[in-house]
Protein backbone atom coordinates (compact mmCIF):
# COMPACT_ATOMS: atom_id res chain seq x y z
CA MET A 1 -0.01 -0.03 0.09
CA ALA A 2 3.07 2.18 0.83
CA ASN A 3 4.44 1.92 -2.79
CA THR A 4 1.33 2.54 -4.38
CA THR A 5 0.86 5.60 -2.24
CA ASN A 6 4.18 6.82 -3.18
CA HIS A 7 4.01 6.04 -6.98
CA SER A 8 0.68 7.77 -6.85
CA HIS A 9 2.13 10.97 -5.08
CA ARG A 10 5.07 11.02 -7.39
CA ALA A 11 3.03 10.97 -10.36
CA ILE A 12 0.67 13.83 -9.32
CA THR A 13 3.78 15.76 -8.02
CA LEU A 14 5.51 15.38 -11.75
CA VAL A 15 2.46 16.40 -13.60
CA ALA A 16 1.87 19.42 -11.29
CA THR A 17 5.55 20.56 -12.06
CA GLY A 18 5.09 20.08 -15.74
CA MET A 19 1.92 21.65 -15.79
CA PHE A 20 3.05 24.61 -13.69
CA ALA A 21 6.25 24.91 -15.86
CA LEU A 22 3.88 24.92 -18.99
CA SER A 23 1.52 27.67 -17.41
CA LEU A 24 4.75 30.01 -16.88
CA THR A 25 5.46 29.62 -20.33
CA LEU A 26 1.95 30.58 -21.53
CA LEU A 27 1.96 33.39 -19.34
CA GLY A 28 5.26 34.94 -20.45
CA ALA A 29 7.38 33.87 -17.63
CA PRO A 30 10.72 32.41 -17.43
CA VAL A 31 10.82 28.50 -16.99
CA PHE A 32 13.08 26.45 -15.19
CA ALA A 33 12.44 22.92 -16.29
CA GLN A 34 13.64 19.62 -14.51
CA PRO A 35 16.92 18.34 -15.96
CA GLY A 36 16.11 16.19 -18.93
CA LEU A 37 12.35 16.95 -19.36
CA SER A 38 11.04 19.31 -21.74
CA THR A 39 7.93 20.69 -20.01
CA THR A 40 7.34 24.02 -21.72
CA LEU A 41 5.65 25.07 -25.39
CA SER A 42 7.86 26.84 -27.61
CA LYS A 43 8.61 30.38 -26.78
CA LYS A 44 8.16 31.14 -30.43
CA ALA A 45 4.81 32.64 -31.58
CA PRO A 46 2.68 30.38 -33.49
CA PRO A 47 3.43 30.20 -37.16
CA THR A 48 1.53 32.83 -39.34
CA LYS A 49 0.67 32.24 -42.77
CA ALA A 50 0.06 34.73 -45.64
CA LYS A 51 -3.56 35.62 -45.92
CA SER A 52 -3.94 34.42 -49.32
CA GLU A 53 -2.17 31.41 -48.58
CA ALA A 54 -4.81 30.66 -45.59
CA ALA A 55 -7.61 31.76 -47.59
CA THR A 56 -7.56 28.82 -50.54
CA PRO A 57 -10.16 26.05 -49.90
CA GLN A 58 -7.65 23.53 -49.87
CA ASN A 59 -5.54 25.09 -47.10
CA ILE A 60 -8.67 25.71 -44.98
CA LEU A 61 -9.70 21.89 -45.23
CA LEU A 62 -6.28 20.88 -44.23
CA ALA A 63 -6.11 23.60 -41.22
CA VAL A 64 -9.92 22.15 -40.33
CA VAL A 65 -8.87 18.57 -40.23
CA ASP A 66 -5.70 18.83 -38.76
CA THR A 67 -7.33 20.64 -35.76
CA ARG A 68 -10.04 18.09 -35.50
CA SER A 69 -7.49 15.15 -34.85
CA ARG A 70 -4.72 17.26 -33.02
CA ILE A 71 -7.42 18.49 -30.48
CA GLN A 72 -8.08 14.42 -29.78
CA ARG A 73 -4.06 14.13 -29.59
CA VAL A 74 -3.47 16.88 -26.71
CA ALA A 75 -6.49 15.52 -24.74
CA ARG A 76 -4.66 12.03 -25.02
CA LEU A 77 -1.35 13.18 -24.34
CA TYR A 78 -2.42 15.53 -21.23
CA LEU A 79 -3.91 12.29 -19.53
CA GLU A 80 -0.81 10.38 -20.69
CA ILE A 81 1.51 12.81 -18.63
CA ALA A 82 -1.14 12.61 -15.72
CA ALA A 83 -0.83 8.86 -15.67
CA ASP A 84 3.07 9.20 -15.40
CA SER A 85 3.47 7.28 -18.81
CA ARG A 86 6.51 7.88 -21.06
CA THR A 87 6.63 11.49 -19.55
CA GLU A 88 10.04 12.27 -21.07
CA THR A 89 8.70 11.59 -24.64
CA THR A 90 5.15 12.77 -24.01
CA ILE A 91 5.76 16.13 -22.42
CA PRO A 92 7.79 17.67 -25.43
CA MET A 93 5.21 15.98 -27.81
CA PHE A 94 2.10 17.67 -25.85
CA THR A 95 3.94 21.01 -26.16
CA ARG A 96 4.47 20.50 -29.61
CA GLU A 97 1.15 19.61 -30.49
CA VAL A 98 -0.65 22.56 -28.45
CA SER A 99 1.48 24.88 -30.46
CA LEU A 100 0.49 23.47 -33.98
CA LEU A 101 -3.05 23.82 -32.81
CA ASP A 102 -2.48 27.31 -32.02
CA GLY A 103 -0.99 27.67 -35.32
CA ASN A 104 -4.19 26.17 -37.03
CA ILE A 105 -6.59 28.31 -34.95
CA ALA A 106 -4.65 31.42 -35.93
CA LYS A 107 -4.55 30.78 -39.49
CA LEU A 108 -8.39 29.72 -39.77
CA ASP A 109 -9.19 32.83 -37.97
CA LYS A 110 -7.76 35.02 -40.73
CA SER A 111 -9.40 32.75 -43.29
CA GLN A 112 -12.61 33.73 -45.55
CA LEU A 113 -15.15 31.56 -44.26
CA SER A 114 -18.77 31.19 -45.25
CA ALA A 115 -21.34 32.44 -42.71
CA GLU A 116 -22.42 28.85 -41.57
CA GLU A 117 -18.62 27.99 -41.34
CA THR A 118 -17.79 31.03 -39.44
CA LYS A 119 -20.29 30.27 -36.64
CA VAL A 120 -19.04 26.91 -36.07
CA PHE A 121 -15.41 27.95 -36.28
CA ASN A 122 -16.25 30.61 -33.41
CA ARG A 123 -17.59 27.60 -31.19
CA ILE A 124 -14.46 25.57 -31.79
CA ARG A 125 -12.38 28.82 -30.96
CA THR A 126 -14.19 29.57 -27.81
CA ARG A 127 -13.99 25.81 -26.45
CA TYR A 128 -10.60 25.40 -27.49
CA ASP A 129 -9.55 28.67 -25.55
CA GLU A 130 -11.39 26.64 -22.45
CA LEU A 131 -9.66 23.62 -23.18
CA ARG A 132 -6.25 25.33 -23.60
CA ALA A 133 -7.14 26.99 -19.95
CA LEU A 134 -7.67 23.58 -18.56
CA PHE A 135 -4.22 22.41 -19.57
CA LEU A 136 -2.43 25.14 -17.49
CA GLN A 137 -3.84 23.30 -14.42
CA PRO A 138 -2.48 20.39 -12.59
CA TYR A 139 -4.13 17.03 -12.96
CA SER A 140 -7.03 16.05 -11.02
CA ARG A 141 -9.77 13.61 -11.69
CA GLU A 142 -12.33 16.36 -12.02
CA ASN A 143 -10.23 18.29 -14.46
CA GLY A 144 -9.47 15.07 -16.25
CA GLU A 145 -13.09 14.53 -17.02
CA VAL A 146 -13.83 17.98 -18.20
CA ILE A 147 -11.06 18.04 -20.71
CA TYR A 148 -12.32 14.70 -21.93
CA ALA A 149 -15.68 15.84 -22.64
CA THR A 150 -14.68 19.43 -23.95
CA SER A 151 -12.49 17.55 -26.52
CA GLU A 152 -15.37 15.41 -27.33
CA GLU A 153 -17.54 18.40 -27.65
CA LEU A 154 -14.81 20.00 -29.98
CA MET A 155 -14.81 16.63 -31.95
CA ALA A 156 -18.49 17.26 -32.98
CA SER A 157 -17.87 20.91 -34.00
CA ALA A 158 -14.84 19.99 -35.97
CA GLN A 159 -16.69 17.34 -37.82
CA LYS A 160 -19.13 19.60 -38.75
CA LEU A 161 -16.53 22.20 -40.15
CA ALA A 162 -14.71 19.73 -41.94
CA GLN A 163 -18.00 18.57 -43.77
CA LEU A 164 -18.51 22.05 -44.88
CA SER A 165 -15.09 22.40 -45.93
CA ALA A 166 -14.78 19.25 -47.97
CA GLN A 167 -18.32 19.91 -49.69
CA GLY A 168 -16.84 23.28 -50.82
CA ILE A 169 -14.10 21.68 -52.56
CA ASP A 170 -16.33 18.56 -53.85
CA THR A 171 -13.14 16.54 -54.87
CA GLU A 172 -12.55 12.80 -54.29
CA ALA A 173 -8.92 13.68 -52.78
CA GLY A 174 -10.82 16.63 -50.59
CA TYR A 175 -12.95 13.84 -49.25
CA ALA A 176 -10.31 11.19 -48.68
CA LEU A 177 -8.59 13.84 -46.75
CA ASP A 178 -11.48 14.37 -44.46
CA ILE A 179 -11.85 10.57 -44.05
CA SER A 180 -8.09 10.04 -43.46
CA SER A 181 -7.86 12.87 -40.75
CA ARG A 182 -10.91 11.58 -39.06
CA VAL A 183 -9.62 8.13 -38.74
CA MET A 184 -6.44 9.81 -37.28
CA ALA A 185 -8.89 11.55 -34.58
CA GLN A 186 -10.11 8.04 -34.06
CA THR A 187 -6.86 6.64 -33.27
CA GLU A 188 -6.52 9.47 -30.80
CA ARG A 189 -10.00 9.08 -29.23
CA ILE A 190 -9.14 5.54 -28.64
CA ALA A 191 -5.84 6.22 -26.72
CA LYS A 192 -7.51 9.01 -24.95
CA ALA A 193 -10.41 6.50 -23.74
CA PHE A 194 -7.80 4.04 -22.78
CA MET A 195 -5.89 6.55 -20.66
CA GLN A 196 -9.19 8.00 -19.17
CA CYS A 197 -9.97 4.27 -18.24
CA ALA A 198 -6.68 3.44 -16.93
CA LEU A 199 -6.89 6.79 -14.57
CA THR A 200 -10.40 6.24 -13.31
CA GLN A 201 -11.36 2.75 -14.46
CA SER A 202 -14.69 4.34 -15.63
CA ARG A 203 -17.11 2.28 -17.50
CA SER A 204 -17.80 4.83 -19.86
CA SER A 205 -14.71 4.78 -20.92
CA LEU A 206 -14.92 1.04 -21.87
CA VAL A 207 -18.12 1.83 -23.67
CA ASP A 208 -16.21 4.64 -25.98
CA LEU A 209 -13.30 2.14 -26.55
CA GLU A 210 -15.86 -0.20 -28.04
CA GLN A 211 -17.55 2.62 -30.09
CA TRP A 212 -14.57 4.19 -31.37
CA ARG A 213 -12.80 1.06 -32.27
CA LYS A 214 -15.62 0.19 -34.72
CA GLU A 215 -15.72 3.72 -36.09
CA HIS A 216 -11.91 3.64 -36.61
CA ALA A 217 -12.24 0.21 -38.46
CA THR A 218 -15.18 1.69 -40.67
CA GLY A 219 -13.04 4.63 -41.61
CA LEU A 220 -10.13 2.62 -42.95
CA SER A 221 -12.33 0.45 -44.88
CA GLN A 222 -13.85 3.55 -46.51
CA LEU A 223 -10.50 4.85 -47.25
CA ALA A 224 -9.44 1.58 -48.74
CA ASP A 225 -12.11 1.90 -51.28
CA MET A 226 -11.45 5.35 -52.54
CA LYS A 227 -10.27 5.10 -56.15
CA ILE A 228 -7.85 7.85 -55.72
CA ASN A 229 -5.63 5.57 -53.72
CA ASP A 230 -2.17 4.76 -55.07
CA GLY A 231 0.70 2.15 -54.29
CA TYR A 232 1.81 4.68 -51.32
CA THR A 233 -1.49 5.34 -49.95
CA TYR A 234 -2.41 1.64 -49.93
CA TYR A 235 1.00 0.62 -48.35
CA ASN A 236 0.27 3.12 -45.67
CA LEU A 237 -3.24 2.10 -45.01
CA ASN A 238 -2.32 -1.73 -44.70
CA LEU A 239 0.34 -0.63 -42.35
CA SER A 240 -2.74 1.19 -40.33
CA VAL A 241 -4.86 -1.81 -40.59
CA MET A 242 -2.06 -4.00 -38.97
CA LEU A 243 -1.60 -1.30 -36.42
CA ASN A 244 -5.26 -1.51 -35.77
CA LYS A 245 -5.64 -4.95 -35.00
CA GLN A 246 -2.62 -4.79 -32.82
CA GLN A 247 -4.55 -2.25 -30.78
CA ALA A 248 -7.56 -4.48 -30.86
CA GLN A 249 -5.73 -6.78 -28.84
CA TYR A 250 -5.45 -4.28 -25.98
CA VAL A 251 -8.59 -2.94 -26.30
CA ASP A 252 -10.20 -6.64 -26.17
CA ALA A 253 -8.34 -7.41 -22.99
CA SER A 254 -9.49 -4.45 -21.46
CA LEU A 255 -13.13 -4.99 -22.27
CA LYS A 256 -12.73 -8.65 -20.98
CA ALA A 257 -11.29 -7.53 -17.72
CA LYS A 258 -13.44 -4.52 -17.58
CA ARG A 259 -10.49 -2.45 -16.61
CA CYS A 260 -7.49 -0.71 -18.33
CA THR A 261 -3.83 -0.78 -17.57
CA VAL A 262 -1.51 1.49 -19.83
CA PRO A 263 0.63 -0.73 -22.05
CA THR A 264 3.51 1.57 -23.67
CA SER A 265 3.29 -0.60 -26.75
CA MET A 266 -0.34 0.21 -27.31
CA LEU A 267 0.61 3.92 -27.13
CA ARG A 268 3.66 3.50 -29.58
CA SER A 269 1.56 1.85 -31.88
CA SER A 270 -1.00 5.11 -31.68
CA ASP A 271 1.94 7.10 -32.41
CA ALA A 272 3.01 4.85 -35.26
CA MET A 273 -0.64 5.18 -36.83
CA TRP A 274 -0.78 9.05 -36.45
CA SER A 275 2.54 9.34 -38.41
CA ILE A 276 1.45 6.88 -41.06
CA LEU A 277 -1.74 8.74 -41.36
CA GLN A 278 -0.13 12.13 -41.42
CA SER A 279 1.89 11.15 -44.45
CA THR A 280 -1.42 9.82 -46.17
CA ASN A 281 -2.87 13.31 -45.60
CA THR A 282 0.09 14.70 -47.37
CA ARG A 283 -0.44 12.69 -50.32
CA TYR A 284 -4.23 13.41 -50.49
CA PHE A 285 -3.72 17.04 -49.92
CA ASN A 286 -1.28 17.04 -52.88
CA GLN A 287 -3.67 15.12 -55.17
CA MET A 288 -6.64 17.59 -54.05
CA ASN A 289 -4.63 20.22 -55.28
CA LYS A 290 -4.48 18.58 -58.74
CA SER A 291 -8.00 17.34 -58.69
CA VAL A 292 -11.29 18.67 -60.36
CA GLY A 293 -14.78 18.48 -58.95
CA ILE A 294 -16.80 15.27 -58.84
CA GLY A 295 -20.49 17.02 -57.98
């Protein structure tokens, strides 16, 4: 019992230290990180793009779908840090993803969106500001649950904005980019649910795991049927299917046991799938810029 208590205390202390350092950076104060750990966001301002570049429909869609998946990723990484899992790797990853999200939000804020798109984006921006503020707080079960719920609300809004953006382009490559990025978001949602389950052992997380795994497999199947695929994207999709099957083993074990642990290999497979699908997104984006409408 003493060892368990000490380990929990160490985890909470580490998360508090990391998040405190992160909050100092966000507020512009100097940061003194623990040796060997990167606990701060980049001090550089979020990257800005020329207004003309950000206003193209293709770049708007890319920023929208990237925002949708990264919101799930930062929520997962926050919970992973709270579980004291791979901290030396996860904290730098987390701060980088938050910085990239900031850049996407800034880009979309400068873009010429339709009235309906603007309404949805404003909701995303408001909720993201709230989510980002939560990241400044040390982990607690209550804070983790709010982050989990807020990221789900953002998922729904980002889905709507992605749908509107893809319809505006109306090319197979645009729809493929939307689906591929949605699969990326599902990859992170699965890992997020796993982390929430590991931290709280909540039954709702187990339900989410089962549902999102099905949606993830469906998305991969939809992508495989896209006529625009070439040898490169087929190869990436086959790798993603293999990783999906590997993750399913951990999900099945957790559903059977009705509890979750934090297998590092499961998290690494999520990171690998993220990288593979990100590369696939780049291919679809390049093809989208060469495509004509299919409507």
